[in-house]
Amino acid sequence: MTKKDTMATKTENELTKLLTDSRATLRSERFSAAGARAKDSNSPRKLRVTIARALTELRARALKVA
């Protein structure tokens, strides 16, 4: 899980890549969890938190520029 202070040090391209990768991983975990028991039942929550942190940092940067 990525903390807030490390999100601030990432570039905009890195944040976008992290966002797309996290969303793809979350999507695949949702579909794989439907048929079988999940190894780590807390990982979807961790992914959602990571996605939220990345979106928050991107939004803060957009507001700072504007």
PDB file of N, CA and C in Angstrom:
ATOM      1  N   MET A   1       0.840  -1.167   0.000  1.00  0.00           N
ATOM      2  CA  MET A   1       0.000   0.000   0.000  1.00  0.00           C
ATOM      3  C   MET A   1       0.889   1.234   0.000  1.00  0.00           C
ATOM      4  N   THR A   2       0.514   2.205  -0.778  1.00  0.00           N
ATOM      5  CA  THR A   2       1.316   3.399  -0.931  1.00  0.00           C
ATOM      6  C   THR A   2       0.781   4.491  -0.010  1.00  0.00           C
ATOM      7  N   LYS A   3       1.675   5.089   0.729  1.00  0.00           N
ATOM      8  CA  LYS A   3       1.283   6.138   1.662  1.00  0.00           C
ATOM      9  C   LYS A   3       1.164   7.476   0.951  1.00  0.00           C
ATOM     10  N   LYS A   4       0.521   8.424   1.629  1.00  0.00           N
ATOM     11  CA  LYS A   4       0.255   9.729   1.038  1.00  0.00           C
ATOM     12  C   LYS A   4       1.530  10.472   0.671  1.00  0.00           C
ATOM     13  N   ASP A   5       2.556  10.402   1.536  1.00  0.00           N
ATOM     14  CA  ASP A   5       3.775  11.156   1.253  1.00  0.00           C
ATOM     15  C   ASP A   5       4.517  10.600   0.043  1.00  0.00           C
ATOM     16  N   THR A   6       4.395   9.310  -0.229  1.00  0.00           N
ATOM     17  CA  THR A   6       5.050   8.767  -1.414  1.00  0.00           C
ATOM     18  C   THR A   6       4.245   9.084  -2.670  1.00  0.00           C
ATOM     19  N   MET A   7       2.956   9.332  -2.539  1.00  0.00           N
ATOM     20  CA  MET A   7       2.147   9.739  -3.687  1.00  0.00           C
ATOM     21  C   MET A   7       2.567  11.125  -4.153  1.00  0.00           C
ATOM     22  N   ALA A   8       2.944  11.971  -3.229  1.00  0.00           N
ATOM     23  CA  ALA A   8       3.327  13.344  -3.574  1.00  0.00           C
ATOM     24  C   ALA A   8       4.642  13.383  -4.335  1.00  0.00           C
ATOM     25  N   THR A   9       5.474  12.370  -4.165  1.00  0.00           N
ATOM     26  CA  THR A   9       6.764  12.368  -4.845  1.00  0.00           C
ATOM     27  C   THR A   9       6.691  11.762  -6.240  1.00  0.00           C
ATOM     28  N   LYS A  10       5.592  11.123  -6.576  1.00  0.00           N
ATOM     29  CA  LYS A  10       5.457  10.504  -7.893  1.00  0.00           C
ATOM     30  C   LYS A  10       5.085  11.549  -8.944  1.00  0.00           C
ATOM     31  N   THR A  11       5.483  11.258 -10.185  1.00  0.00           N
ATOM     32  CA  THR A  11       5.108  12.153 -11.275  1.00  0.00           C
ATOM     33  C   THR A  11       3.682  11.848 -11.701  1.00  0.00           C
ATOM     34  N   GLU A  12       3.150  12.713 -12.539  1.00  0.00           N
ATOM     35  CA  GLU A  12       1.772  12.526 -12.993  1.00  0.00           C
ATOM     36  C   GLU A  12       1.624  11.261 -13.834  1.00  0.00           C
ATOM     37  N   ASN A  13       2.634  10.956 -14.644  1.00  0.00           N
ATOM     38  CA  ASN A  13       2.582   9.730 -15.445  1.00  0.00           C
ATOM     39  C   ASN A  13       2.637   8.489 -14.567  1.00  0.00           C
ATOM     40  N   GLU A  14       3.446   8.524 -13.517  1.00  0.00           N
ATOM     41  CA  GLU A  14       3.521   7.386 -12.596  1.00  0.00           C
ATOM     42  C   GLU A  14       2.201   7.180 -11.863  1.00  0.00           C
ATOM     43  N   LEU A  15       1.560   8.278 -11.474  1.00  0.00           N
ATOM     44  CA  LEU A  15       0.265   8.164 -10.805  1.00  0.00           C
ATOM     45  C   LEU A  15      -0.797   7.579 -11.736  1.00  0.00           C
ATOM     46  N   THR A  16      -0.783   8.017 -12.980  1.00  0.00           N
ATOM     47  CA  THR A  16      -1.743   7.497 -13.950  1.00  0.00           C
ATOM     48  C   THR A  16      -1.520   6.014 -14.195  1.00  0.00           C
ATOM     49  N   LYS A  17      -0.263   5.604 -14.312  1.00  0.00           N
ATOM     50  CA  LYS A  17       0.052   4.189 -14.507  1.00  0.00           C
ATOM     51  C   LYS A  17      -0.357   3.365 -13.294  1.00  0.00           C
ATOM     52  N   LEU A  18      -0.082   3.880 -12.094  1.00  0.00           N
ATOM     53  CA  LEU A  18      -0.492   3.202 -10.867  1.00  0.00           C
ATOM     54  C   LEU A  18      -2.007   3.049 -10.816  1.00  0.00           C
ATOM     55  N   LEU A  19      -2.707   4.076 -11.234  1.00  0.00           N
ATOM     56  CA  LEU A  19      -4.160   4.065 -11.235  1.00  0.00           C
ATOM     57  C   LEU A  19      -4.711   3.001 -12.181  1.00  0.00           C
ATOM     58  N   THR A  20      -4.204   2.950 -13.395  1.00  0.00           N
ATOM     59  CA  THR A  20      -4.705   1.954 -14.352  1.00  0.00           C
ATOM     60  C   THR A  20      -4.336   0.539 -13.928  1.00  0.00           C
ATOM     61  N   ASP A  21      -3.138   0.353 -13.394  1.00  0.00           N
ATOM     62  CA  ASP A  21      -2.738  -0.981 -12.931  1.00  0.00           C
ATOM     63  C   ASP A  21      -3.581  -1.442 -11.743  1.00  0.00           C
ATOM     64  N   SER A  22      -3.836  -0.539 -10.807  1.00  0.00           N
ATOM     65  CA  SER A  22      -4.632  -0.889  -9.630  1.00  0.00           C
ATOM     66  C   SER A  22      -6.068  -1.225 -10.018  1.00  0.00           C
ATOM     67  N   ARG A  23      -6.621  -0.452 -10.944  1.00  0.00           N
ATOM     68  CA  ARG A  23      -7.992  -0.735 -11.392  1.00  0.00           C
ATOM     69  C   ARG A  23      -8.079  -2.082 -12.103  1.00  0.00           C
ATOM     70  N   ALA A  24      -7.076  -2.400 -12.918  1.00  0.00           N
ATOM     71  CA  ALA A  24      -7.070  -3.688 -13.612  1.00  0.00           C
ATOM     72  C   ALA A  24      -6.925  -4.848 -12.624  1.00  0.00           C
ATOM     73  N   THR A  25      -6.078  -4.684 -11.630  1.00  0.00           N
ATOM     74  CA  THR A  25      -5.898  -5.722 -10.616  1.00  0.00           C
ATOM     75  C   THR A  25      -7.174  -5.916  -9.809  1.00  0.00           C
ATOM     76  N   LEU A  26      -7.815  -4.824  -9.434  1.00  0.00           N
ATOM     77  CA  LEU A  26      -9.068  -4.908  -8.686  1.00  0.00           C
ATOM     78  C   LEU A  26     -10.140  -5.620  -9.503  1.00  0.00           C
ATOM     79  N   ARG A  27     -10.222  -5.286 -10.779  1.00  0.00           N
ATOM     80  CA  ARG A  27     -11.202  -5.924 -11.654  1.00  0.00           C
ATOM     81  C   ARG A  27     -10.958  -7.428 -11.746  1.00  0.00           C
ATOM     82  N   SER A  28      -9.706  -7.827 -11.919  1.00  0.00           N
ATOM     83  CA  SER A  28      -9.404  -9.256 -12.032  1.00  0.00           C
ATOM     84  C   SER A  28      -9.649  -9.977 -10.709  1.00  0.00           C
ATOM     85  N   GLU A  29      -9.382  -9.326  -9.594  1.00  0.00           N
ATOM     86  CA  GLU A  29      -9.646  -9.947  -8.294  1.00  0.00           C
ATOM     87  C   GLU A  29     -11.135 -10.115  -8.047  1.00  0.00           C
ATOM     88  N   ARG A  30     -11.932  -9.165  -8.498  1.00  0.00           N
ATOM     89  CA  ARG A  30     -13.387  -9.300  -8.335  1.00  0.00           C
ATOM     90  C   ARG A  30     -13.910 -10.522  -9.075  1.00  0.00           C
ATOM     91  N   PHE A  31     -13.451 -10.705 -10.299  1.00  0.00           N
ATOM     92  CA  PHE A  31     -13.944 -11.827 -11.083  1.00  0.00           C
ATOM     93  C   PHE A  31     -13.384 -13.158 -10.598  1.00  0.00           C
ATOM     94  N   SER A  32     -12.154 -13.163 -10.124  1.00  0.00           N
ATOM     95  CA  SER A  32     -11.599 -14.422  -9.626  1.00  0.00           C
ATOM     96  C   SER A  32     -12.189 -14.780  -8.266  1.00  0.00           C
ATOM     97  N   ALA A  33     -12.592 -13.787  -7.485  1.00  0.00           N
ATOM     98  CA  ALA A  33     -13.163 -14.056  -6.174  1.00  0.00           C
ATOM     99  C   ALA A  33     -14.582 -14.594  -6.269  1.00  0.00           C
ATOM    100  N   ALA A  34     -15.237 -14.395  -7.398  1.00  0.00           N
ATOM    101  CA  ALA A  34     -16.603 -14.861  -7.536  1.00  0.00           C
ATOM    102  C   ALA A  34     -16.668 -16.383  -7.550  1.00  0.00           C
ATOM    103  N   GLY A  35     -15.650 -17.031  -8.073  1.00  0.00           N
ATOM    104  CA  GLY A  35     -15.691 -18.477  -8.192  1.00  0.00           C
ATOM    105  C   GLY A  35     -14.951 -19.226  -7.110  1.00  0.00           C
ATOM    106  N   ALA A  36     -13.990 -18.601  -6.466  1.00  0.00           N
ATOM    107  CA  ALA A  36     -13.158 -19.315  -5.495  1.00  0.00           C
ATOM    108  C   ALA A  36     -12.944 -18.458  -4.256  1.00  0.00           C
ATOM    109  N   ARG A  37     -12.397 -19.084  -3.266  1.00  0.00           N
ATOM    110  CA  ARG A  37     -12.102 -18.376  -2.029  1.00  0.00           C
ATOM    111  C   ARG A  37     -10.847 -17.512  -2.223  1.00  0.00           C
ATOM    112  N   ALA A  38     -10.917 -16.276  -1.787  1.00  0.00           N
ATOM    113  CA  ALA A  38      -9.799 -15.351  -1.964  1.00  0.00           C
ATOM    114  C   ALA A  38      -8.678 -15.661  -0.975  1.00  0.00           C
ATOM    115  N   LYS A  39      -7.440 -15.490  -1.437  1.00  0.00           N
ATOM    116  CA  LYS A  39      -6.291 -15.701  -0.555  1.00  0.00           C
ATOM    117  C   LYS A  39      -6.225 -14.607   0.506  1.00  0.00           C
ATOM    118  N   ASP A  40      -6.310 -13.388   0.062  1.00  0.00           N
ATOM    119  CA  ASP A  40      -6.275 -12.247   0.975  1.00  0.00           C
ATOM    120  C   ASP A  40      -7.585 -11.488   0.809  1.00  0.00           C
ATOM    121  N   SER A  41      -8.464 -11.648   1.770  1.00  0.00           N
ATOM    122  CA  SER A  41      -9.788 -11.029   1.640  1.00  0.00           C
ATOM    123  C   SER A  41      -9.734  -9.512   1.802  1.00  0.00           C
ATOM    124  N   ASN A  42      -8.627  -8.986   2.276  1.00  0.00           N
ATOM    125  CA  ASN A  42      -8.496  -7.548   2.481  1.00  0.00           C
ATOM    126  C   ASN A  42      -7.843  -6.832   1.300  1.00  0.00           C
ATOM    127  N   SER A  43      -7.363  -7.569   0.314  1.00  0.00           N
ATOM    128  CA  SER A  43      -6.656  -6.923  -0.800  1.00  0.00           C
ATOM    129  C   SER A  43      -7.553  -6.016  -1.654  1.00  0.00           C
ATOM    130  N   PRO A  44      -8.835  -6.341  -1.895  1.00  0.00           N
ATOM    131  CA  PRO A  44      -9.643  -5.365  -2.646  1.00  0.00           C
ATOM    132  C   PRO A  44      -9.761  -4.017  -1.935  1.00  0.00           C
ATOM    133  N   ARG A  45      -9.849  -4.043  -0.624  1.00  0.00           N
ATOM    134  CA  ARG A  45      -9.918  -2.786   0.119  1.00  0.00           C
ATOM    135  C   ARG A  45      -8.622  -2.007  -0.025  1.00  0.00           C
ATOM    136  N   LYS A  46      -7.496  -2.685   0.056  1.00  0.00           N
ATOM    137  CA  LYS A  46      -6.198  -2.023  -0.097  1.00  0.00           C
ATOM    138  C   LYS A  46      -6.071  -1.394  -1.484  1.00  0.00           C
ATOM    139  N   LEU A  47      -6.559  -2.103  -2.488  1.00  0.00           N
ATOM    140  CA  LEU A  47      -6.500  -1.565  -3.850  1.00  0.00           C
ATOM    141  C   LEU A  47      -7.392  -0.334  -3.995  1.00  0.00           C
ATOM    142  N   ARG A  48      -8.582  -0.380  -3.401  1.00  0.00           N
ATOM    143  CA  ARG A  48      -9.474   0.776  -3.472  1.00  0.00           C
ATOM    144  C   ARG A  48      -8.867   1.990  -2.775  1.00  0.00           C
ATOM    145  N   VAL A  49      -8.182   1.765  -1.657  1.00  0.00           N
ATOM    146  CA  VAL A  49      -7.529   2.867  -0.944  1.00  0.00           C
ATOM    147  C   VAL A  49      -6.402   3.445  -1.791  1.00  0.00           C
ATOM    148  N   THR A  50      -5.635   2.588  -2.444  1.00  0.00           N
ATOM    149  CA  THR A  50      -4.554   3.054  -3.315  1.00  0.00           C
ATOM    150  C   THR A  50      -5.113   3.875  -4.478  1.00  0.00           C
ATOM    151  N   ILE A  51      -6.207   3.404  -5.059  1.00  0.00           N
ATOM    152  CA  ILE A  51      -6.855   4.130  -6.156  1.00  0.00           C
ATOM    153  C   ILE A  51      -7.333   5.494  -5.666  1.00  0.00           C
ATOM    154  N   ALA A  52      -7.941   5.527  -4.495  1.00  0.00           N
ATOM    155  CA  ALA A  52      -8.442   6.790  -3.949  1.00  0.00           C
ATOM    156  C   ALA A  52      -7.299   7.765  -3.679  1.00  0.00           C
ATOM    157  N   ARG A  53      -6.180   7.258  -3.160  1.00  0.00           N
ATOM    158  CA  ARG A  53      -5.032   8.144  -2.894  1.00  0.00           C
ATOM    159  C   ARG A  53      -4.465   8.725  -4.184  1.00  0.00           C
ATOM    160  N   ALA A  54      -4.393   7.895  -5.218  1.00  0.00           N
ATOM    161  CA  ALA A  54      -3.872   8.379  -6.495  1.00  0.00           C
ATOM    162  C   ALA A  54      -4.809   9.429  -7.095  1.00  0.00           C
ATOM    163  N   LEU A  55      -6.107   9.169  -7.048  1.00  0.00           N
ATOM    164  CA  LEU A  55      -7.067  10.133  -7.573  1.00  0.00           C
ATOM    165  C   LEU A  55      -7.045  11.441  -6.787  1.00  0.00           C
ATOM    166  N   THR A  56      -6.889  11.348  -5.482  1.00  0.00           N
ATOM    167  CA  THR A  56      -6.829  12.544  -4.637  1.00  0.00           C
ATOM    168  C   THR A  56      -5.609  13.386  -4.976  1.00  0.00           C
ATOM    169  N   GLU A  57      -4.475  12.732  -5.158  1.00  0.00           N
ATOM    170  CA  GLU A  57      -3.249  13.469  -5.496  1.00  0.00           C
ATOM    171  C   GLU A  57      -3.358  14.115  -6.878  1.00  0.00           C
ATOM    172  N   LEU A  58      -3.920  13.393  -7.845  1.00  0.00           N
ATOM    173  CA  LEU A  58      -4.105  13.966  -9.182  1.00  0.00           C
ATOM    174  C   LEU A  58      -5.042  15.169  -9.138  1.00  0.00           C
ATOM    175  N   ARG A  59      -6.098  15.071  -8.364  1.00  0.00           N
ATOM    176  CA  ARG A  59      -7.061  16.173  -8.241  1.00  0.00           C
ATOM    177  C   ARG A  59      -6.426  17.379  -7.552  1.00  0.00           C
ATOM    178  N   ALA A  60      -5.630  17.141  -6.522  1.00  0.00           N
ATOM    179  CA  ALA A  60      -4.959  18.237  -5.820  1.00  0.00           C
ATOM    180  C   ALA A  60      -3.994  18.972  -6.750  1.00  0.00           C
ATOM    181  N   ARG A  61      -3.302  18.207  -7.582  1.00  0.00           N
ATOM    182  CA  ARG A  61      -2.394  18.842  -8.540  1.00  0.00           C
ATOM    183  C   ARG A  61      -3.158  19.639  -9.579  1.00  0.00           C
ATOM    184  N   ALA A  62      -4.297  19.134 -10.028  1.00  0.00           N
ATOM    185  CA  ALA A  62      -5.093  19.852 -11.019  1.00  0.00           C
ATOM    186  C   ALA A  62      -5.622  21.168 -10.423  1.00  0.00           C
ATOM    187  N   LEU A  63      -6.015  21.154  -9.167  1.00  0.00           N
ATOM    188  CA  LEU A  63      -6.511  22.369  -8.518  1.00  0.00           C
ATOM    189  C   LEU A  63      -5.386  23.368  -8.262  1.00  0.00           C
ATOM    190  N   LYS A  64      -4.183  22.857  -7.997  1.00  0.00           N
ATOM    191  CA  LYS A  64      -3.050  23.735  -7.748  1.00  0.00           C
ATOM    192  C   LYS A  64      -2.673  24.488  -9.017  1.00  0.00           C
ATOM    193  N   VAL A  65      -2.774  23.822 -10.161  1.00  0.00           N
ATOM    194  CA  VAL A  65      -2.440  24.442 -11.442  1.00  0.00           C
ATOM    195  C   VAL A  65      -3.476  25.487 -11.832  1.00  0.00           C
ATOM    196  N   ALA A  66      -4.737  25.179 -11.571  1.00  0.00           N
ATOM    197  CA  ALA A  66      -5.835  26.073 -11.968  1.00  0.00           C
ATOM    198  C   ALA A  66      -5.976  27.258 -11.075  1.00  0.00           C
TER     199      ALA A  66
END
